PDBML (XML) file of the C-alpha atoms, coordinates in Angstrom:
<?xml version="1.0" encoding="UTF-8" ?>
<PDBx:datablock datablockName="MODEL"
   xmlns:PDBx="http://pdbml.pdb.org/schema/pdbx-v50.xsd"
   xmlns:xsi="http://www.w3.org/2001/XMLSchema-instance"
   xsi:schemaLocation="http://pdbml.pdb.org/schema/pdbx-v50.xsd pdbx-v50.xsd">
   <PDBx:atom_siteCategory>
      <PDBx:atom_site id="1">
         <PDBx:B_iso_or_equiv>0.00</PDBx:B_iso_or_equiv>
         <PDBx:Cartn_x>-1.421</PDBx:Cartn_x>
         <PDBx:Cartn_y>-1.996</PDBx:Cartn_y>
         <PDBx:Cartn_z>-3.140</PDBx:Cartn_z>
         <PDBx:auth_asym_id>A</PDBx:auth_asym_id>
         <PDBx:auth_atom_id>CA</PDBx:auth_atom_id>
         <PDBx:auth_comp_id>ALA</PDBx:auth_comp_id>
         <PDBx:auth_seq_id>1</PDBx:auth_seq_id>
         <PDBx:group_PDB>ATOM</PDBx:group_PDB>
         <PDBx:label_alt_id xsi:nil="true" />
         <PDBx:label_asym_id>A</PDBx:label_asym_id>
         <PDBx:label_atom_id>CA</PDBx:label_atom_id>
         <PDBx:label_comp_id>ALA</PDBx:label_comp_id>
         <PDBx:label_entity_id>1</PDBx:label_entity_id>
         <PDBx:label_seq_id>1</PDBx:label_seq_id>
         <PDBx:occupancy>1.00</PDBx:occupancy>
         <PDBx:pdbx_PDB_model_num>1</PDBx:pdbx_PDB_model_num>
         <PDBx:type_symbol>C</PDBx:type_symbol>
      </PDBx:atom_site>
      <PDBx:atom_site id="2">
         <PDBx:B_iso_or_equiv>0.00</PDBx:B_iso_or_equiv>
         <PDBx:Cartn_x>0.467</PDBx:Cartn_x>
         <PDBx:Cartn_y>1.247</PDBx:Cartn_y>
         <PDBx:Cartn_z>-2.987</PDBx:Cartn_z>
         <PDBx:auth_asym_id>A</PDBx:auth_asym_id>
         <PDBx:auth_atom_id>CA</PDBx:auth_atom_id>
         <PDBx:auth_comp_id>TRP</PDBx:auth_comp_id>
         <PDBx:auth_seq_id>2</PDBx:auth_seq_id>
         <PDBx:group_PDB>ATOM</PDBx:group_PDB>
         <PDBx:label_alt_id xsi:nil="true" />
         <PDBx:label_asym_id>A</PDBx:label_asym_id>
         <PDBx:label_atom_id>CA</PDBx:label_atom_id>
         <PDBx:label_comp_id>TRP</PDBx:label_comp_id>
         <PDBx:label_entity_id>1</PDBx:label_entity_id>
         <PDBx:label_seq_id>2</PDBx:label_seq_id>
         <PDBx:occupancy>1.00</PDBx:occupancy>
         <PDBx:pdbx_PDB_model_num>1</PDBx:pdbx_PDB_model_num>
         <PDBx:type_symbol>C</PDBx:type_symbol>
      </PDBx:atom_site>
      <PDBx:atom_site id="3">
         <PDBx:B_iso_or_equiv>0.00</PDBx:B_iso_or_equiv>
         <PDBx:Cartn_x>3.605</PDBx:Cartn_x>
         <PDBx:Cartn_y>1.534</PDBx:Cartn_y>
         <PDBx:Cartn_z>-0.744</PDBx:Cartn_z>
         <PDBx:auth_asym_id>A</PDBx:auth_asym_id>
         <PDBx:auth_atom_id>CA</PDBx:auth_atom_id>
         <PDBx:auth_comp_id>PHE</PDBx:auth_comp_id>
         <PDBx:auth_seq_id>3</PDBx:auth_seq_id>
         <PDBx:group_PDB>ATOM</PDBx:group_PDB>
         <PDBx:label_alt_id xsi:nil="true" />
         <PDBx:label_asym_id>A</PDBx:label_asym_id>
         <PDBx:label_atom_id>CA</PDBx:label_atom_id>
         <PDBx:label_comp_id>PHE</PDBx:label_comp_id>
         <PDBx:label_entity_id>1</PDBx:label_entity_id>
         <PDBx:label_seq_id>3</PDBx:label_seq_id>
         <PDBx:occupancy>1.00</PDBx:occupancy>
         <PDBx:pdbx_PDB_model_num>1</PDBx:pdbx_PDB_model_num>
         <PDBx:type_symbol>C</PDBx:type_symbol>
      </PDBx:atom_site>
      <PDBx:atom_site id="4">
         <PDBx:B_iso_or_equiv>0.00</PDBx:B_iso_or_equiv>
         <PDBx:Cartn_x>6.259</PDBx:Cartn_x>
         <PDBx:Cartn_y>4.464</PDBx:Cartn_y>
         <PDBx:Cartn_z>-0.280</PDBx:Cartn_z>
         <PDBx:auth_asym_id>A</PDBx:auth_asym_id>
         <PDBx:auth_atom_id>CA</PDBx:auth_atom_id>
         <PDBx:auth_comp_id>ARG</PDBx:auth_comp_id>
         <PDBx:auth_seq_id>4</PDBx:auth_seq_id>
         <PDBx:group_PDB>ATOM</PDBx:group_PDB>
         <PDBx:label_alt_id xsi:nil="true" />
         <PDBx:label_asym_id>A</PDBx:label_asym_id>
         <PDBx:label_atom_id>CA</PDBx:label_atom_id>
         <PDBx:label_comp_id>ARG</PDBx:label_comp_id>
         <PDBx:label_entity_id>1</PDBx:label_entity_id>
         <PDBx:label_seq_id>4</PDBx:label_seq_id>
         <PDBx:occupancy>1.00</PDBx:occupancy>
         <PDBx:pdbx_PDB_model_num>1</PDBx:pdbx_PDB_model_num>
         <PDBx:type_symbol>C</PDBx:type_symbol>
      </PDBx:atom_site>
      <PDBx:atom_site id="5">
         <PDBx:B_iso_or_equiv>0.00</PDBx:B_iso_or_equiv>
         <PDBx:Cartn_x>9.775</PDBx:Cartn_x>
         <PDBx:Cartn_y>4.889</PDBx:Cartn_y>
         <PDBx:Cartn_z>0.686</PDBx:Cartn_z>
         <PDBx:auth_asym_id>A</PDBx:auth_asym_id>
         <PDBx:auth_atom_id>CA</PDBx:auth_atom_id>
         <PDBx:auth_comp_id>GLN</PDBx:auth_comp_id>
         <PDBx:auth_seq_id>5</PDBx:auth_seq_id>
         <PDBx:group_PDB>ATOM</PDBx:group_PDB>
         <PDBx:label_alt_id xsi:nil="true" />
         <PDBx:label_asym_id>A</PDBx:label_asym_id>
         <PDBx:label_atom_id>CA</PDBx:label_atom_id>
         <PDBx:label_comp_id>GLN</PDBx:label_comp_id>
         <PDBx:label_entity_id>1</PDBx:label_entity_id>
         <PDBx:label_seq_id>5</PDBx:label_seq_id>
         <PDBx:occupancy>1.00</PDBx:occupancy>
         <PDBx:pdbx_PDB_model_num>1</PDBx:pdbx_PDB_model_num>
         <PDBx:type_symbol>C</PDBx:type_symbol>
      </PDBx:atom_site>
      <PDBx:atom_site id="6">
         <PDBx:B_iso_or_equiv>0.00</PDBx:B_iso_or_equiv>
         <PDBx:Cartn_x>11.130</PDBx:Cartn_x>
         <PDBx:Cartn_y>8.053</PDBx:Cartn_y>
         <PDBx:Cartn_z>2.048</PDBx:Cartn_z>
         <PDBx:auth_asym_id>A</PDBx:auth_asym_id>
         <PDBx:auth_atom_id>CA</PDBx:auth_atom_id>
         <PDBx:auth_comp_id>ALA</PDBx:auth_comp_id>
         <PDBx:auth_seq_id>6</PDBx:auth_seq_id>
         <PDBx:group_PDB>ATOM</PDBx:group_PDB>
         <PDBx:label_alt_id xsi:nil="true" />
         <PDBx:label_asym_id>A</PDBx:label_asym_id>
         <PDBx:label_atom_id>CA</PDBx:label_atom_id>
         <PDBx:label_comp_id>ALA</PDBx:label_comp_id>
         <PDBx:label_entity_id>1</PDBx:label_entity_id>
         <PDBx:label_seq_id>6</PDBx:label_seq_id>
         <PDBx:occupancy>1.00</PDBx:occupancy>
         <PDBx:pdbx_PDB_model_num>1</PDBx:pdbx_PDB_model_num>
         <PDBx:type_symbol>C</PDBx:type_symbol>
      </PDBx:atom_site>
      <PDBx:atom_site id="7">
         <PDBx:B_iso_or_equiv>0.00</PDBx:B_iso_or_equiv>
         <PDBx:Cartn_x>15.055</PDBx:Cartn_x>
         <PDBx:Cartn_y>8.459</PDBx:Cartn_y>
         <PDBx:Cartn_z>1.867</PDBx:Cartn_z>
         <PDBx:auth_asym_id>A</PDBx:auth_asym_id>
         <PDBx:auth_atom_id>CA</PDBx:auth_atom_id>
         <PDBx:auth_comp_id>PRO</PDBx:auth_comp_id>
         <PDBx:auth_seq_id>7</PDBx:auth_seq_id>
         <PDBx:group_PDB>ATOM</PDBx:group_PDB>
         <PDBx:label_alt_id xsi:nil="true" />
         <PDBx:label_asym_id>A</PDBx:label_asym_id>
         <PDBx:label_atom_id>CA</PDBx:label_atom_id>
         <PDBx:label_comp_id>PRO</PDBx:label_comp_id>
         <PDBx:label_entity_id>1</PDBx:label_entity_id>
         <PDBx:label_seq_id>7</PDBx:label_seq_id>
         <PDBx:occupancy>1.00</PDBx:occupancy>
         <PDBx:pdbx_PDB_model_num>1</PDBx:pdbx_PDB_model_num>
         <PDBx:type_symbol>C</PDBx:type_symbol>
      </PDBx:atom_site>
      <PDBx:atom_site id="8">
         <PDBx:B_iso_or_equiv>0.00</PDBx:B_iso_or_equiv>
         <PDBx:Cartn_x>16.912</PDBx:Cartn_x>
         <PDBx:Cartn_y>6.381</PDBx:Cartn_y>
         <PDBx:Cartn_z>4.190</PDBx:Cartn_z>
         <PDBx:auth_asym_id>A</PDBx:auth_asym_id>
         <PDBx:auth_atom_id>CA</PDBx:auth_atom_id>
         <PDBx:auth_comp_id>GLY</PDBx:auth_comp_id>
         <PDBx:auth_seq_id>8</PDBx:auth_seq_id>
         <PDBx:group_PDB>ATOM</PDBx:group_PDB>
         <PDBx:label_alt_id xsi:nil="true" />
         <PDBx:label_asym_id>A</PDBx:label_asym_id>
         <PDBx:label_atom_id>CA</PDBx:label_atom_id>
         <PDBx:label_comp_id>GLY</PDBx:label_comp_id>
         <PDBx:label_entity_id>1</PDBx:label_entity_id>
         <PDBx:label_seq_id>8</PDBx:label_seq_id>
         <PDBx:occupancy>1.00</PDBx:occupancy>
         <PDBx:pdbx_PDB_model_num>1</PDBx:pdbx_PDB_model_num>
         <PDBx:type_symbol>C</PDBx:type_symbol>
      </PDBx:atom_site>
      <PDBx:atom_site id="9">
         <PDBx:B_iso_or_equiv>0.00</PDBx:B_iso_or_equiv>
         <PDBx:Cartn_x>13.612</PDBx:Cartn_x>
         <PDBx:Cartn_y>4.263</PDBx:Cartn_y>
         <PDBx:Cartn_z>5.484</PDBx:Cartn_z>
         <PDBx:auth_asym_id>A</PDBx:auth_asym_id>
         <PDBx:auth_atom_id>CA</PDBx:auth_atom_id>
         <PDBx:auth_comp_id>GLN</PDBx:auth_comp_id>
         <PDBx:auth_seq_id>9</PDBx:auth_seq_id>
         <PDBx:group_PDB>ATOM</PDBx:group_PDB>
         <PDBx:label_alt_id xsi:nil="true" />
         <PDBx:label_asym_id>A</PDBx:label_asym_id>
         <PDBx:label_atom_id>CA</PDBx:label_atom_id>
         <PDBx:label_comp_id>GLN</PDBx:label_comp_id>
         <PDBx:label_entity_id>1</PDBx:label_entity_id>
         <PDBx:label_seq_id>9</PDBx:label_seq_id>
         <PDBx:occupancy>1.00</PDBx:occupancy>
         <PDBx:pdbx_PDB_model_num>1</PDBx:pdbx_PDB_model_num>
         <PDBx:type_symbol>C</PDBx:type_symbol>
      </PDBx:atom_site>
      <PDBx:atom_site id="10">
         <PDBx:B_iso_or_equiv>0.00</PDBx:B_iso_or_equiv>
         <PDBx:Cartn_x>11.797</PDBx:Cartn_x>
         <PDBx:Cartn_y>1.092</PDBx:Cartn_y>
         <PDBx:Cartn_z>4.687</PDBx:Cartn_z>
         <PDBx:auth_asym_id>A</PDBx:auth_asym_id>
         <PDBx:auth_atom_id>CA</PDBx:auth_atom_id>
         <PDBx:auth_comp_id>GLY</PDBx:auth_comp_id>
         <PDBx:auth_seq_id>10</PDBx:auth_seq_id>
         <PDBx:group_PDB>ATOM</PDBx:group_PDB>
         <PDBx:label_alt_id xsi:nil="true" />
         <PDBx:label_asym_id>A</PDBx:label_asym_id>
         <PDBx:label_atom_id>CA</PDBx:label_atom_id>
         <PDBx:label_comp_id>GLY</PDBx:label_comp_id>
         <PDBx:label_entity_id>1</PDBx:label_entity_id>
         <PDBx:label_seq_id>10</PDBx:label_seq_id>
         <PDBx:occupancy>1.00</PDBx:occupancy>
         <PDBx:pdbx_PDB_model_num>1</PDBx:pdbx_PDB_model_num>
         <PDBx:type_symbol>C</PDBx:type_symbol>
      </PDBx:atom_site>
      <PDBx:atom_site id="11">
         <PDBx:B_iso_or_equiv>0.00</PDBx:B_iso_or_equiv>
         <PDBx:Cartn_x>9.131</PDBx:Cartn_x>
         <PDBx:Cartn_y>0.626</PDBx:Cartn_y>
         <PDBx:Cartn_z>2.394</PDBx:Cartn_z>
         <PDBx:auth_asym_id>A</PDBx:auth_asym_id>
         <PDBx:auth_atom_id>CA</PDBx:auth_atom_id>
         <PDBx:auth_comp_id>ARG</PDBx:auth_comp_id>
         <PDBx:auth_seq_id>11</PDBx:auth_seq_id>
         <PDBx:group_PDB>ATOM</PDBx:group_PDB>
         <PDBx:label_alt_id xsi:nil="true" />
         <PDBx:label_asym_id>A</PDBx:label_asym_id>
         <PDBx:label_atom_id>CA</PDBx:label_atom_id>
         <PDBx:label_comp_id>ARG</PDBx:label_comp_id>
         <PDBx:label_entity_id>1</PDBx:label_entity_id>
         <PDBx:label_seq_id>11</PDBx:label_seq_id>
         <PDBx:occupancy>1.00</PDBx:occupancy>
         <PDBx:pdbx_PDB_model_num>1</PDBx:pdbx_PDB_model_num>
         <PDBx:type_symbol>C</PDBx:type_symbol>
      </PDBx:atom_site>
      <PDBx:atom_site id="12">
         <PDBx:B_iso_or_equiv>0.00</PDBx:B_iso_or_equiv>
         <PDBx:Cartn_x>5.879</PDBx:Cartn_x>
         <PDBx:Cartn_y>1.430</PDBx:Cartn_y>
         <PDBx:Cartn_z>4.015</PDBx:Cartn_z>
         <PDBx:auth_asym_id>A</PDBx:auth_asym_id>
         <PDBx:auth_atom_id>CA</PDBx:auth_atom_id>
         <PDBx:auth_comp_id>GLU</PDBx:auth_comp_id>
         <PDBx:auth_seq_id>12</PDBx:auth_seq_id>
         <PDBx:group_PDB>ATOM</PDBx:group_PDB>
         <PDBx:label_alt_id xsi:nil="true" />
         <PDBx:label_asym_id>A</PDBx:label_asym_id>
         <PDBx:label_atom_id>CA</PDBx:label_atom_id>
         <PDBx:label_comp_id>GLU</PDBx:label_comp_id>
         <PDBx:label_entity_id>1</PDBx:label_entity_id>
         <PDBx:label_seq_id>12</PDBx:label_seq_id>
         <PDBx:occupancy>1.00</PDBx:occupancy>
         <PDBx:pdbx_PDB_model_num>1</PDBx:pdbx_PDB_model_num>
         <PDBx:type_symbol>C</PDBx:type_symbol>
      </PDBx:atom_site>
      <PDBx:atom_site id="13">
         <PDBx:B_iso_or_equiv>0.00</PDBx:B_iso_or_equiv>
         <PDBx:Cartn_x>2.246</PDBx:Cartn_x>
         <PDBx:Cartn_y>0.190</PDBx:Cartn_y>
         <PDBx:Cartn_z>3.337</PDBx:Cartn_z>
         <PDBx:auth_asym_id>A</PDBx:auth_asym_id>
         <PDBx:auth_atom_id>CA</PDBx:auth_atom_id>
         <PDBx:auth_comp_id>PHE</PDBx:auth_comp_id>
         <PDBx:auth_seq_id>13</PDBx:auth_seq_id>
         <PDBx:group_PDB>ATOM</PDBx:group_PDB>
         <PDBx:label_alt_id xsi:nil="true" />
         <PDBx:label_asym_id>A</PDBx:label_asym_id>
         <PDBx:label_atom_id>CA</PDBx:label_atom_id>
         <PDBx:label_comp_id>PHE</PDBx:label_comp_id>
         <PDBx:label_entity_id>1</PDBx:label_entity_id>
         <PDBx:label_seq_id>13</PDBx:label_seq_id>
         <PDBx:occupancy>1.00</PDBx:occupancy>
         <PDBx:pdbx_PDB_model_num>1</PDBx:pdbx_PDB_model_num>
         <PDBx:type_symbol>C</PDBx:type_symbol>
      </PDBx:atom_site>
      <PDBx:atom_site id="14">
         <PDBx:B_iso_or_equiv>0.00</PDBx:B_iso_or_equiv>
         <PDBx:Cartn_x>0.030</PDBx:Cartn_x>
         <PDBx:Cartn_y>2.932</PDBx:Cartn_y>
         <PDBx:Cartn_z>2.221</PDBx:Cartn_z>
         <PDBx:auth_asym_id>A</PDBx:auth_asym_id>
         <PDBx:auth_atom_id>CA</PDBx:auth_atom_id>
         <PDBx:auth_comp_id>VAL</PDBx:auth_comp_id>
         <PDBx:auth_seq_id>14</PDBx:auth_seq_id>
         <PDBx:group_PDB>ATOM</PDBx:group_PDB>
         <PDBx:label_alt_id xsi:nil="true" />
         <PDBx:label_asym_id>A</PDBx:label_asym_id>
         <PDBx:label_atom_id>CA</PDBx:label_atom_id>
         <PDBx:label_comp_id>VAL</PDBx:label_comp_id>
         <PDBx:label_entity_id>1</PDBx:label_entity_id>
         <PDBx:label_seq_id>14</PDBx:label_seq_id>
         <PDBx:occupancy>1.00</PDBx:occupancy>
         <PDBx:pdbx_PDB_model_num>1</PDBx:pdbx_PDB_model_num>
         <PDBx:type_symbol>C</PDBx:type_symbol>
      </PDBx:atom_site>
      <PDBx:atom_site id="15">
         <PDBx:B_iso_or_equiv>0.00</PDBx:B_iso_or_equiv>
         <PDBx:Cartn_x>-3.371</PDBx:Cartn_x>
         <PDBx:Cartn_y>1.362</PDBx:Cartn_y>
         <PDBx:Cartn_z>1.022</PDBx:Cartn_z>
         <PDBx:auth_asym_id>A</PDBx:auth_asym_id>
         <PDBx:auth_atom_id>CA</PDBx:auth_atom_id>
         <PDBx:auth_comp_id>ALA</PDBx:auth_comp_id>
         <PDBx:auth_seq_id>15</PDBx:auth_seq_id>
         <PDBx:group_PDB>ATOM</PDBx:group_PDB>
         <PDBx:label_alt_id xsi:nil="true" />
         <PDBx:label_asym_id>A</PDBx:label_asym_id>
         <PDBx:label_atom_id>CA</PDBx:label_atom_id>
         <PDBx:label_comp_id>ALA</PDBx:label_comp_id>
         <PDBx:label_entity_id>1</PDBx:label_entity_id>
         <PDBx:label_seq_id>15</PDBx:label_seq_id>
         <PDBx:occupancy>1.00</PDBx:occupancy>
         <PDBx:pdbx_PDB_model_num>1</PDBx:pdbx_PDB_model_num>
         <PDBx:type_symbol>C</PDBx:type_symbol>
      </PDBx:atom_site>
      <PDBx:atom_site id="16">
         <PDBx:B_iso_or_equiv>0.00</PDBx:B_iso_or_equiv>
         <PDBx:Cartn_x>-4.511</PDBx:Cartn_x>
         <PDBx:Cartn_y>-1.857</PDBx:Cartn_y>
         <PDBx:Cartn_z>-0.765</PDBx:Cartn_z>
         <PDBx:auth_asym_id>A</PDBx:auth_asym_id>
         <PDBx:auth_atom_id>CA</PDBx:auth_atom_id>
         <PDBx:auth_comp_id>ALA</PDBx:auth_comp_id>
         <PDBx:auth_seq_id>16</PDBx:auth_seq_id>
         <PDBx:group_PDB>ATOM</PDBx:group_PDB>
         <PDBx:label_alt_id xsi:nil="true" />
         <PDBx:label_asym_id>A</PDBx:label_asym_id>
         <PDBx:label_atom_id>CA</PDBx:label_atom_id>
         <PDBx:label_comp_id>ALA</PDBx:label_comp_id>
         <PDBx:label_entity_id>1</PDBx:label_entity_id>
         <PDBx:label_seq_id>16</PDBx:label_seq_id>
         <PDBx:occupancy>1.00</PDBx:occupancy>
         <PDBx:pdbx_PDB_model_num>1</PDBx:pdbx_PDB_model_num>
         <PDBx:type_symbol>C</PDBx:type_symbol>
      </PDBx:atom_site>
      <PDBx:atom_site id="17">
         <PDBx:B_iso_or_equiv>0.00</PDBx:B_iso_or_equiv>
         <PDBx:Cartn_x>-7.634</PDBx:Cartn_x>
         <PDBx:Cartn_y>-3.157</PDBx:Cartn_y>
         <PDBx:Cartn_z>-2.544</PDBx:Cartn_z>
         <PDBx:auth_asym_id>A</PDBx:auth_asym_id>
         <PDBx:auth_atom_id>CA</PDBx:auth_atom_id>
         <PDBx:auth_comp_id>ILE</PDBx:auth_comp_id>
         <PDBx:auth_seq_id>17</PDBx:auth_seq_id>
         <PDBx:group_PDB>ATOM</PDBx:group_PDB>
         <PDBx:label_alt_id xsi:nil="true" />
         <PDBx:label_asym_id>A</PDBx:label_asym_id>
         <PDBx:label_atom_id>CA</PDBx:label_atom_id>
         <PDBx:label_comp_id>ILE</PDBx:label_comp_id>
         <PDBx:label_entity_id>1</PDBx:label_entity_id>
         <PDBx:label_seq_id>17</PDBx:label_seq_id>
         <PDBx:occupancy>1.00</PDBx:occupancy>
         <PDBx:pdbx_PDB_model_num>1</PDBx:pdbx_PDB_model_num>
         <PDBx:type_symbol>C</PDBx:type_symbol>
      </PDBx:atom_site>
      <PDBx:atom_site id="18">
         <PDBx:B_iso_or_equiv>0.00</PDBx:B_iso_or_equiv>
         <PDBx:Cartn_x>-8.909</PDBx:Cartn_x>
         <PDBx:Cartn_y>-6.427</PDBx:Cartn_y>
         <PDBx:Cartn_z>-3.468</PDBx:Cartn_z>
         <PDBx:auth_asym_id>A</PDBx:auth_asym_id>
         <PDBx:auth_atom_id>CA</PDBx:auth_atom_id>
         <PDBx:auth_comp_id>LYS</PDBx:auth_comp_id>
         <PDBx:auth_seq_id>18</PDBx:auth_seq_id>
         <PDBx:group_PDB>ATOM</PDBx:group_PDB>
         <PDBx:label_alt_id xsi:nil="true" />
         <PDBx:label_asym_id>A</PDBx:label_asym_id>
         <PDBx:label_atom_id>CA</PDBx:label_atom_id>
         <PDBx:label_comp_id>LYS</PDBx:label_comp_id>
         <PDBx:label_entity_id>1</PDBx:label_entity_id>
         <PDBx:label_seq_id>18</PDBx:label_seq_id>
         <PDBx:occupancy>1.00</PDBx:occupancy>
         <PDBx:pdbx_PDB_model_num>1</PDBx:pdbx_PDB_model_num>
         <PDBx:type_symbol>C</PDBx:type_symbol>
      </PDBx:atom_site>
      <PDBx:atom_site id="19">
         <PDBx:B_iso_or_equiv>0.00</PDBx:B_iso_or_equiv>
         <PDBx:Cartn_x>-9.533</PDBx:Cartn_x>
         <PDBx:Cartn_y>-6.923</PDBx:Cartn_y>
         <PDBx:Cartn_z>-7.234</PDBx:Cartn_z>
         <PDBx:auth_asym_id>A</PDBx:auth_asym_id>
         <PDBx:auth_atom_id>CA</PDBx:auth_atom_id>
         <PDBx:auth_comp_id>SER</PDBx:auth_comp_id>
         <PDBx:auth_seq_id>19</PDBx:auth_seq_id>
         <PDBx:group_PDB>ATOM</PDBx:group_PDB>
         <PDBx:label_alt_id xsi:nil="true" />
         <PDBx:label_asym_id>A</PDBx:label_asym_id>
         <PDBx:label_atom_id>CA</PDBx:label_atom_id>
         <PDBx:label_comp_id>SER</PDBx:label_comp_id>
         <PDBx:label_entity_id>1</PDBx:label_entity_id>
         <PDBx:label_seq_id>19</PDBx:label_seq_id>
         <PDBx:occupancy>1.00</PDBx:occupancy>
         <PDBx:pdbx_PDB_model_num>1</PDBx:pdbx_PDB_model_num>
         <PDBx:type_symbol>C</PDBx:type_symbol>
      </PDBx:atom_site>
      <PDBx:atom_site id="20">
         <PDBx:B_iso_or_equiv>0.00</PDBx:B_iso_or_equiv>
         <PDBx:Cartn_x>-12.776</PDBx:Cartn_x>
         <PDBx:Cartn_y>-8.642</PDBx:Cartn_y>
         <PDBx:Cartn_z>-7.135</PDBx:Cartn_z>
         <PDBx:auth_asym_id>A</PDBx:auth_asym_id>
         <PDBx:auth_atom_id>CA</PDBx:auth_atom_id>
         <PDBx:auth_comp_id>VAL</PDBx:auth_comp_id>
         <PDBx:auth_seq_id>20</PDBx:auth_seq_id>
         <PDBx:group_PDB>ATOM</PDBx:group_PDB>
         <PDBx:label_alt_id xsi:nil="true" />
         <PDBx:label_asym_id>A</PDBx:label_asym_id>
         <PDBx:label_atom_id>CA</PDBx:label_atom_id>
         <PDBx:label_comp_id>VAL</PDBx:label_comp_id>
         <PDBx:label_entity_id>1</PDBx:label_entity_id>
         <PDBx:label_seq_id>20</PDBx:label_seq_id>
         <PDBx:occupancy>1.00</PDBx:occupancy>
         <PDBx:pdbx_PDB_model_num>1</PDBx:pdbx_PDB_model_num>
         <PDBx:type_symbol>C</PDBx:type_symbol>
      </PDBx:atom_site>
      <PDBx:atom_site id="21">
         <PDBx:B_iso_or_equiv>0.00</PDBx:B_iso_or_equiv>
         <PDBx:Cartn_x>-14.766</PDBx:Cartn_x>
         <PDBx:Cartn_y>-7.494</PDBx:Cartn_y>
         <PDBx:Cartn_z>-4.023</PDBx:Cartn_z>
         <PDBx:auth_asym_id>A</PDBx:auth_asym_id>
         <PDBx:auth_atom_id>CA</PDBx:auth_atom_id>
         <PDBx:auth_comp_id>SER</PDBx:auth_comp_id>
         <PDBx:auth_seq_id>21</PDBx:auth_seq_id>
         <PDBx:group_PDB>ATOM</PDBx:group_PDB>
         <PDBx:label_alt_id xsi:nil="true" />
         <PDBx:label_asym_id>A</PDBx:label_asym_id>
         <PDBx:label_atom_id>CA</PDBx:label_atom_id>
         <PDBx:label_comp_id>SER</PDBx:label_comp_id>
         <PDBx:label_entity_id>1</PDBx:label_entity_id>
         <PDBx:label_seq_id>21</PDBx:label_seq_id>
         <PDBx:occupancy>1.00</PDBx:occupancy>
         <PDBx:pdbx_PDB_model_num>1</PDBx:pdbx_PDB_model_num>
         <PDBx:type_symbol>C</PDBx:type_symbol>
      </PDBx:atom_site>
      <PDBx:atom_site id="22">
         <PDBx:B_iso_or_equiv>0.00</PDBx:B_iso_or_equiv>
         <PDBx:Cartn_x>-13.027</PDBx:Cartn_x>
         <PDBx:Cartn_y>-3.704</PDBx:Cartn_y>
         <PDBx:Cartn_z>-3.842</PDBx:Cartn_z>
         <PDBx:auth_asym_id>A</PDBx:auth_asym_id>
         <PDBx:auth_atom_id>CA</PDBx:auth_atom_id>
         <PDBx:auth_comp_id>GLY</PDBx:auth_comp_id>
         <PDBx:auth_seq_id>22</PDBx:auth_seq_id>
         <PDBx:group_PDB>ATOM</PDBx:group_PDB>
         <PDBx:label_alt_id xsi:nil="true" />
         <PDBx:label_asym_id>A</PDBx:label_asym_id>
         <PDBx:label_atom_id>CA</PDBx:label_atom_id>
         <PDBx:label_comp_id>GLY</PDBx:label_comp_id>
         <PDBx:label_entity_id>1</PDBx:label_entity_id>
         <PDBx:label_seq_id>22</PDBx:label_seq_id>
         <PDBx:occupancy>1.00</PDBx:occupancy>
         <PDBx:pdbx_PDB_model_num>1</PDBx:pdbx_PDB_model_num>
         <PDBx:type_symbol>C</PDBx:type_symbol>
      </PDBx:atom_site>
      <PDBx:atom_site id="23">
         <PDBx:B_iso_or_equiv>0.00</PDBx:B_iso_or_equiv>
         <PDBx:Cartn_x>-12.634</PDBx:Cartn_x>
         <PDBx:Cartn_y>-4.278</PDBx:Cartn_y>
         <PDBx:Cartn_z>-0.185</PDBx:Cartn_z>
         <PDBx:auth_asym_id>A</PDBx:auth_asym_id>
         <PDBx:auth_atom_id>CA</PDBx:auth_atom_id>
         <PDBx:auth_comp_id>VAL</PDBx:auth_comp_id>
         <PDBx:auth_seq_id>23</PDBx:auth_seq_id>
         <PDBx:group_PDB>ATOM</PDBx:group_PDB>
         <PDBx:label_alt_id xsi:nil="true" />
         <PDBx:label_asym_id>A</PDBx:label_asym_id>
         <PDBx:label_atom_id>CA</PDBx:label_atom_id>
         <PDBx:label_comp_id>VAL</PDBx:label_comp_id>
         <PDBx:label_entity_id>1</PDBx:label_entity_id>
         <PDBx:label_seq_id>23</PDBx:label_seq_id>
         <PDBx:occupancy>1.00</PDBx:occupancy>
         <PDBx:pdbx_PDB_model_num>1</PDBx:pdbx_PDB_model_num>
         <PDBx:type_symbol>C</PDBx:type_symbol>
      </PDBx:atom_site>
      <PDBx:atom_site id="24">
         <PDBx:B_iso_or_equiv>0.00</PDBx:B_iso_or_equiv>
         <PDBx:Cartn_x>-9.769</PDBx:Cartn_x>
         <PDBx:Cartn_y>-1.548</PDBx:Cartn_y>
         <PDBx:Cartn_z>0.857</PDBx:Cartn_z>
         <PDBx:auth_asym_id>A</PDBx:auth_asym_id>
         <PDBx:auth_atom_id>CA</PDBx:auth_atom_id>
         <PDBx:auth_comp_id>THR</PDBx:auth_comp_id>
         <PDBx:auth_seq_id>24</PDBx:auth_seq_id>
         <PDBx:group_PDB>ATOM</PDBx:group_PDB>
         <PDBx:label_alt_id xsi:nil="true" />
         <PDBx:label_asym_id>A</PDBx:label_asym_id>
         <PDBx:label_atom_id>CA</PDBx:label_atom_id>
         <PDBx:label_comp_id>THR</PDBx:label_comp_id>
         <PDBx:label_entity_id>1</PDBx:label_entity_id>
         <PDBx:label_seq_id>24</PDBx:label_seq_id>
         <PDBx:occupancy>1.00</PDBx:occupancy>
         <PDBx:pdbx_PDB_model_num>1</PDBx:pdbx_PDB_model_num>
         <PDBx:type_symbol>C</PDBx:type_symbol>
      </PDBx:atom_site>
      <PDBx:atom_site id="25">
         <PDBx:B_iso_or_equiv>0.00</PDBx:B_iso_or_equiv>
         <PDBx:Cartn_x>-7.547</PDBx:Cartn_x>
         <PDBx:Cartn_y>-0.896</PDBx:Cartn_y>
         <PDBx:Cartn_z>3.539</PDBx:Cartn_z>
         <PDBx:auth_asym_id>A</PDBx:auth_asym_id>
         <PDBx:auth_atom_id>CA</PDBx:auth_atom_id>
         <PDBx:auth_comp_id>LEU</PDBx:auth_comp_id>
         <PDBx:auth_seq_id>25</PDBx:auth_seq_id>
         <PDBx:group_PDB>ATOM</PDBx:group_PDB>
         <PDBx:label_alt_id xsi:nil="true" />
         <PDBx:label_asym_id>A</PDBx:label_asym_id>
         <PDBx:label_atom_id>CA</PDBx:label_atom_id>
         <PDBx:label_comp_id>LEU</PDBx:label_comp_id>
         <PDBx:label_entity_id>1</PDBx:label_entity_id>
         <PDBx:label_seq_id>25</PDBx:label_seq_id>
         <PDBx:occupancy>1.00</PDBx:occupancy>
         <PDBx:pdbx_PDB_model_num>1</PDBx:pdbx_PDB_model_num>
         <PDBx:type_symbol>C</PDBx:type_symbol>
      </PDBx:atom_site>
   </PDBx:atom_siteCategory>
</PDBx:datablock>
């Protein structure tokens, strides 16, 4: 997955992918 964190903020989910199936979110 990719997460991001802006200054003064918490870590936010951006996108994810399953290794075998390739299903993304």
